[in-house]
Protein backbone atom coordinates (compact mmCIF):
# COMPACT_ATOMS: atom_id res chain seq x y z
CA SER A 1 0.04 -0.05 -0.01
CA ASN A 2 3.11 2.16 0.20
CA ASP A 3 1.81 4.00 3.36
CA GLY A 4 4.98 3.49 5.41
CA VAL A 5 3.26 0.97 7.71
CA GLU A 6 4.20 -2.80 8.15
CA VAL A 7 3.93 -5.51 10.74
CA PHE A 8 7.29 -6.49 12.14
CA ASP A 9 8.01 -9.89 13.88
CA LEU A 10 10.10 -8.95 16.94
CA ASN A 11 10.74 -12.47 17.58
CA GLU A 12 13.57 -12.11 15.07
CA LYS A 13 15.16 -9.60 17.38
CA ILE A 14 14.78 -12.00 20.41
CA THR A 15 16.63 -14.59 18.45
CA GLU A 16 19.39 -11.99 17.53
CA ILE A 17 19.72 -10.63 21.03
CA SER A 18 19.79 -14.08 22.73
CA GLY A 19 22.37 -15.58 20.31
CA GLY A 20 25.71 -16.57 21.81
CA THR A 21 24.53 -16.65 25.56
CA SER A 22 23.48 -19.41 27.78
CA GLN A 23 21.39 -17.31 29.99
CA ASN A 24 17.59 -17.52 30.01
CA LEU A 25 16.85 -13.98 29.11
CA ASP A 26 13.63 -12.17 29.43
CA ILE A 27 13.30 -9.72 26.57
CA SER A 28 10.41 -7.29 26.11
CA PHE A 29 10.07 -4.32 23.80
CA TYR A 30 8.72 -0.56 24.26
CA THR A 31 8.22 2.47 22.16
CA THR A 32 9.80 4.89 24.72
CA LEU A 33 12.78 4.57 26.98
CA SER A 34 10.84 5.54 30.01
CA ASP A 35 8.48 2.55 29.47
CA ALA A 36 11.34 0.31 28.92
CA ASP A 37 12.90 1.51 32.28
CA SER A 38 9.71 1.08 34.07
CA ALA A 39 8.62 -2.09 32.28
CA ASN A 40 5.30 -0.59 31.49
CA ASN A 41 3.35 -0.74 28.24
CA ALA A 42 5.17 -3.58 26.57
CA ILE A 43 4.29 -3.95 22.87
CA ASP A 44 3.26 -7.09 21.02
CA LEU A 45 5.84 -9.10 19.38
CA GLU A 46 3.86 -8.73 16.26
CA PHE A 47 4.07 -4.99 15.97
CA GLU A 48 2.81 -2.50 13.53
CA ASN A 49 4.79 0.64 13.43
CA ILE A 50 2.99 4.02 14.17
CA GLN A 51 5.51 6.14 12.50
CA ASN A 52 8.27 5.69 10.04
CA PRO A 53 11.10 5.40 11.08
CA GLN A 54 10.35 4.31 14.56
CA GLN A 55 12.74 3.76 17.54
CA ILE A 56 12.08 0.72 19.66
CA TYR A 57 13.64 -0.21 23.10
CA ALA A 58 14.36 -3.73 24.23
CA ARG A 59 14.40 -4.40 27.99
CA ILE A 60 16.74 -7.47 28.58
CA GLU A 61 16.38 -9.06 31.93
CA ASN A 62 18.66 -12.00 33.17
CA GLY A 63 16.33 -13.26 36.02
CA PHE A 64 18.47 -11.68 38.81
CA SER A 65 16.77 -8.31 38.95
CA CYS A 66 19.41 -7.04 36.48
CA TYR A 67 18.47 -5.59 33.16
CA THR A 68 19.82 -3.61 30.36
CA ILE A 69 18.10 -1.58 27.61
CA ALA A 70 19.10 -1.81 23.86
CA GLU A 71 17.48 0.38 21.26
CA PHE A 72 17.03 -0.18 17.48
CA GLY A 73 15.10 1.20 14.64
CA LEU A 74 12.19 0.14 12.38
CA ASN A 75 12.37 1.59 8.98
CA VAL A 76 9.69 0.89 6.34
CA ILE A 77 11.26 1.51 2.86
CA GLN A 78 8.48 2.16 0.40
CA ALA A 79 8.27 0.31 -2.83
CA PRO A 80 8.60 2.20 -6.01
CA GLU A 81 5.52 4.40 -6.79
CA THR A 82 3.85 2.90 -9.90
CA ASN A 83 0.63 3.19 -11.78
CA PRO A 84 -1.29 0.42 -13.72
CA SER A 85 -0.30 -0.01 -17.15
CA ILE A 86 -2.76 0.37 -19.99
CA PRO A 87 -2.86 -2.53 -22.50
CA LEU A 88 -0.45 -2.40 -25.37
CA GLU A 89 -2.01 -2.98 -28.69
CA ALA A 90 -0.46 -3.63 -32.04
CA CYS A 91 -1.77 -4.53 -35.56
CA ASP A 92 -0.96 -7.88 -37.29
CA ASP A 93 -0.46 -8.15 -41.01
CA ASP A 94 -0.65 -11.95 -41.61
CA TYR A 95 -3.61 -13.01 -39.31
CA ASP A 96 -1.38 -15.16 -36.98
CA GLY A 97 -1.90 -12.97 -33.92
CA ILE A 98 1.88 -12.66 -33.64
CA THR A 99 3.83 -9.36 -33.75
CA THR A 100 6.50 -7.35 -31.85
CA PHE A 101 5.87 -5.02 -29.03
CA ASP A 102 8.01 -2.33 -27.51
CA LEU A 103 7.26 -3.18 -23.73
CA THR A 104 9.27 -0.22 -22.55
CA ILE A 105 6.60 2.17 -23.79
CA SER A 106 4.56 1.15 -20.70
CA GLU A 107 7.16 2.88 -18.40
CA PHE A 108 5.64 6.16 -19.38
CA ASP A 109 2.35 5.04 -17.67
CA ILE A 110 3.85 3.06 -14.95
CA LEU A 111 6.34 5.62 -13.77
CA ASP A 112 4.82 9.04 -14.34
CA VAL A 113 7.04 10.62 -11.63
CA ARG A 114 10.77 10.54 -11.88
CA GLN A 115 12.30 8.32 -9.08
CA ASN A 116 15.83 7.66 -8.29
CA ASP A 117 17.30 4.16 -7.91
CA ILE A 118 14.84 2.44 -9.84
CA GLU A 119 15.40 -0.66 -12.03
CA VAL A 120 12.69 -1.99 -14.45
CA THR A 121 12.73 -5.55 -15.75
CA TYR A 122 10.23 -7.71 -17.69
CA PHE A 123 9.09 -11.34 -17.29
CA GLU A 124 6.57 -13.62 -19.04
CA ASN A 125 5.10 -14.85 -15.75
CA GLU A 126 4.85 -14.05 -12.14
CA GLU A 127 6.86 -17.00 -11.02
CA ASP A 128 9.91 -15.89 -12.99
CA LEU A 129 9.43 -12.30 -11.71
CA VAL A 130 9.53 -13.51 -8.15
CA SER A 131 12.53 -15.69 -8.59
CA HIS A 132 14.06 -13.15 -10.94
CA THR A 133 14.81 -15.69 -13.62
CA ASN A 134 14.19 -15.93 -17.40
CA GLN A 135 14.11 -12.18 -17.75
CA ILE A 136 12.88 -10.90 -21.12
CA THR A 137 16.14 -9.51 -22.62
CA ASN A 138 14.75 -7.65 -25.53
CA PRO A 139 11.66 -5.69 -24.12
CA ASP A 140 12.02 -3.06 -26.84
CA ASN A 141 11.56 -5.71 -29.43
CA TYR A 142 9.32 -8.51 -27.78
CA THR A 143 7.46 -11.01 -29.86
CA ASN A 144 4.34 -12.23 -28.07
CA THR A 145 3.61 -15.96 -27.78
CA SER A 146 -0.01 -15.93 -27.56
CA ASN A 147 -2.96 -13.53 -28.24
CA PRO A 148 -3.91 -12.03 -25.96
CA GLN A 149 -0.93 -12.31 -23.57
CA THR A 150 -0.07 -10.87 -20.05
CA VAL A 151 3.50 -9.98 -19.31
CA PHE A 152 4.88 -8.62 -15.93
CA VAL A 153 6.97 -5.68 -15.16
CA LYS A 154 9.17 -5.66 -12.02
CA VAL A 155 9.89 -2.23 -10.72
CA VAL A 156 12.65 -2.49 -8.06
CA ASN A 157 14.11 0.09 -5.71
CA SER A 158 17.73 -0.87 -6.02
CA VAL A 159 18.65 0.57 -2.54
CA SER A 160 16.05 -1.41 -0.51
CA THR A 161 15.36 -4.15 -3.23
CA CYS A 162 11.60 -3.53 -2.47
CA TYR A 163 9.63 -3.93 -5.74
CA ASP A 164 6.13 -3.64 -7.34
CA THR A 165 4.66 -6.03 -9.90
CA ILE A 166 2.56 -4.49 -12.72
CA PRO A 167 0.88 -6.74 -15.34
CA ILE A 168 0.65 -5.50 -18.96
CA ASP A 169 -1.98 -7.02 -21.44
CA LEU A 170 -0.71 -7.50 -24.97
CA ILE A 171 -3.29 -7.44 -27.54
CA VAL A 172 -2.82 -8.11 -31.25
CA ASN A 173 -5.53 -6.76 -33.53
CA LEU A 174 -6.10 -8.50 -36.80
CA PRO A 175 -6.77 -6.67 -39.99
CA PRO A 176 -10.04 -7.10 -41.70
CA ALA A 177 -10.81 -10.18 -43.57
CA PHE A 178 -11.08 -9.67 -47.31
CA LYS A 179 -11.33 -11.67 -50.55
CA GLU A 180 -8.69 -11.60 -53.19
CA LEU A 181 -10.24 -10.49 -56.51
CA ASP A 182 -9.80 -11.70 -59.93
CA ASP A 183 -9.72 -9.22 -62.84
CA ILE A 184 -12.90 -7.21 -62.88
CA VAL A 185 -14.08 -6.80 -66.49
CA VAL A 186 -16.63 -3.95 -67.33
CA PHE A 187 -17.74 -2.29 -70.60
CA GLU A 188 -17.34 1.16 -71.59
CA ASN A 189 -20.18 3.32 -70.62
CA GLU A 190 -21.32 6.86 -71.73
CA THR A 191 -19.79 8.67 -68.71
CA GLY A 192 -16.32 6.98 -69.03
CA ILE A 193 -16.38 6.48 -65.23
CA PHE A 194 -16.04 3.33 -63.13
CA ASP A 195 -17.50 3.39 -59.73
CA LEU A 196 -14.90 1.95 -57.37
CA LEU A 197 -17.42 1.78 -54.49
CA SER A 198 -18.97 -1.18 -56.42
CA VAL A 199 -15.76 -3.11 -55.49
CA ASN A 200 -16.26 -2.65 -51.66
CA GLN A 201 -18.77 -5.52 -51.30
CA LEU A 202 -16.57 -7.72 -53.50
CA LEU A 203 -13.70 -7.28 -51.19
CA VAL A 204 -15.38 -7.54 -47.85
CA ASP A 205 -18.72 -9.23 -46.89
CA ASP A 206 -19.43 -7.15 -43.67
CA LEU A 207 -18.53 -3.47 -44.22
CA ASN A 208 -19.56 -2.40 -40.64
CA ASN A 209 -16.62 -0.32 -39.09
CA ILE A 210 -14.57 -0.99 -42.35
CA GLY A 211 -13.11 1.88 -44.44
CA ILE A 212 -12.10 1.08 -47.93
CA SER A 213 -9.88 3.54 -50.01
CA TYR A 214 -8.08 3.25 -53.36
CA TYR A 215 -4.76 4.16 -54.69
CA ASN A 216 -2.65 3.96 -57.82
CA SER A 217 0.29 2.49 -55.96
CA LEU A 218 1.10 0.13 -53.15
CA ALA A 219 3.38 2.79 -51.53
CA ASP A 220 0.36 5.27 -51.54
CA ALA A 221 -1.90 2.51 -50.07
CA LEU A 222 0.45 1.71 -47.32
CA ASN A 223 1.11 5.46 -46.39
CA ASP A 224 -2.55 6.46 -47.01
CA THR A 225 -1.44 9.21 -49.36
CA ASN A 226 -2.85 10.25 -52.73
CA GLU A 227 -6.21 8.49 -52.38
CA ILE A 228 -8.12 8.48 -55.66
CA ASP A 229 -11.54 9.55 -56.32
CA THR A 230 -14.01 6.43 -56.27
CA ASN A 231 -15.54 7.90 -59.41
CA PHE A 232 -12.62 6.84 -61.45
CA GLU A 233 -12.41 8.32 -65.01
CA TYR A 234 -10.65 5.48 -67.03
CA SER A 235 -8.47 6.30 -70.03
CA ILE A 236 -6.83 2.94 -70.66
CA ASN A 237 -8.18 -0.61 -71.17
CA THR A 238 -6.55 -1.95 -68.06
CA HIS A 239 -5.92 -0.19 -64.81
CA SER A 240 -4.26 -1.50 -61.57
CA PHE A 241 -5.66 -0.50 -58.28
CA PHE A 242 -4.54 -0.87 -54.59
CA ALA A 243 -7.17 -1.00 -51.93
CA ARG A 244 -6.47 -0.10 -48.41
CA ILE A 245 -9.05 -2.11 -46.17
CA GLU A 246 -9.00 -0.62 -42.62
CA ASN A 247 -10.73 -1.45 -39.38
CA GLU A 248 -12.05 1.91 -38.32
CA ILE A 249 -11.84 1.01 -34.65
CA THR A 250 -8.47 -0.36 -34.22
CA GLY A 251 -6.80 1.36 -37.29
CA CYS A 252 -5.38 -1.94 -38.38
CA PHE A 253 -5.37 -2.42 -42.30
CA ILE A 254 -4.32 -4.63 -45.01
CA THR A 255 -3.87 -3.88 -48.74
CA SER A 256 -5.10 -5.76 -51.85
CA SER A 257 -4.52 -5.24 -55.63
CA PHE A 258 -6.71 -5.96 -58.46
CA ASN A 259 -7.15 -4.96 -62.04
CA VAL A 260 -10.12 -3.48 -63.86
CA ILE A 261 -10.35 -4.25 -67.64
CA VAL A 262 -12.52 -1.94 -69.53
CA LEU A 263 -13.78 -3.57 -72.75
CA PRO A 264 -15.32 -1.58 -75.64
CA ASN A 265 -18.90 -2.10 -76.26
CA PRO A 266 -19.52 -4.39 -79.23
CA ILE A 267 -20.87 -2.94 -82.50
CA ALA A 268 -23.69 -5.01 -83.97
CA TYR A 269 -23.75 -4.46 -87.68
CA ALA A 270 -27.15 -4.89 -89.35
CA PRO A 271 -27.70 -8.52 -90.43
CA ILE A 272 -29.30 -9.49 -93.74
CA ASP A 273 -32.66 -11.11 -94.12
CA LEU A 274 -32.42 -14.88 -94.58
CA GLU A 275 -34.73 -16.39 -97.11
CA LEU A 276 -35.53 -20.10 -98.04
CA CYS A 277 -37.83 -21.65 -100.51
CA ASP A 278 -40.88 -23.33 -99.12
CA ASP A 279 -41.43 -26.82 -100.71
CA ASP A 280 -44.40 -27.89 -99.10
CA ASP A 281 -46.34 -24.67 -98.81
CA ASP A 282 -46.49 -24.72 -94.92
CA GLU A 283 -44.49 -21.49 -94.45
CA ILE A 284 -42.13 -23.21 -91.96
CA ALA A 285 -38.47 -23.85 -92.71
CA GLU A 286 -35.28 -24.31 -90.63
CA PHE A 287 -32.93 -21.33 -90.80
CA ASN A 288 -29.19 -21.24 -90.07
CA LEU A 289 -29.10 -18.01 -87.95
CA ALA A 290 -25.32 -18.37 -87.62
CA LEU A 291 -24.95 -17.39 -91.16
CA ASN A 292 -25.47 -13.76 -89.96
CA THR A 293 -22.81 -14.02 -87.21
CA SER A 294 -19.91 -12.90 -89.23
CA ILE A 295 -22.04 -10.18 -90.77
CA ILE A 296 -23.10 -8.82 -87.27
CA ILE A 297 -19.57 -8.82 -85.96
CA GLY A 298 -18.08 -7.28 -89.14
CA ASN A 299 -14.51 -6.28 -88.92
CA GLN A 300 -14.19 -6.83 -85.04
CA ASN A 301 -12.15 -9.70 -83.69
CA PRO A 302 -14.47 -12.59 -83.63
CA SER A 303 -12.51 -14.17 -80.71
CA ASN A 304 -13.64 -11.25 -78.43
CA PHE A 305 -17.27 -11.71 -79.07
CA SER A 306 -20.07 -14.29 -79.03
CA VAL A 307 -23.45 -13.78 -80.76
CA SER A 308 -26.75 -15.21 -79.48
CA TYR A 309 -30.16 -15.16 -81.11
CA PHE A 310 -33.52 -14.62 -79.37
CA GLU A 311 -37.12 -14.68 -80.65
CA SER A 312 -37.94 -11.18 -78.91
CA LEU A 313 -36.28 -8.05 -77.99
CA ASP A 314 -37.13 -8.30 -74.25
CA ALA A 315 -35.56 -11.85 -74.19
CA ALA A 316 -32.44 -10.58 -75.98
CA GLU A 317 -31.95 -7.68 -73.59
CA ASN A 318 -32.40 -10.01 -70.68
CA GLY A 319 -30.29 -12.79 -72.03
CA GLU A 320 -33.13 -15.23 -71.58
CA ASN A 321 -34.03 -18.30 -73.62
CA PRO A 322 -31.55 -17.89 -76.61
């Protein structure tokens, strides 16, 4: 409690005073010299000091009405003044929950007042702290072993060897989960603009507390600089983008790249009418519609297009029942 008050076991003093003598000594303790002289108001052998430091007087009798008085001091040396540590949080970049921490940052919270003769060491468990074994030797570059994890700080007064123990919680926050994207193929439109917001749902299923921004380079995405407008005005057939996907609560993020391929809208050249002779006067014949395919495609690369045929305009526009 660092209040300067402790319970002292005065039996230890009896053992010390009696050491080396064969006499049967009667030893009692007092808070004043006059009480010791008159043998009044002896204190308990389990004594809690009432001031710090405090002088104690021992009356030592040998059983023959002879006595002597010895004095000694009780001194409570306070442990270092410390504060609780706030948890240390770090971001992970590979979803394994393992990263490095600078544990020494916690000293700004733990020791907010400058104190002399202080030594600070770090341990992975309290048992090691008490026995002062297996000290963490690289606290400024410590790799956690589990997530979350608690490590322990030992703050020692190097003069008195009194110490305080402070636990520190280490928390590794994972970046948002996302899906790697294949090339996104779109067709030219009248505005010449591709809406990057349409990619958000493709990258992340649950967008709650998730911020997604887009960049032209990985360096910009990592540094969160030169964010591009989500209404992207395309000028080339293929454009590479870098998405920064960030948890808006923890600030942890991850990046992903993808391509948007802009294809020109196909040109449908007017087909020719197909005619067949009716040899049975039923006005029904089987036509090979594919004869018009090369005419419809014209001079465009046929490997880039497919042509389907429908019986109505609605079916063609909806791509139903070719």
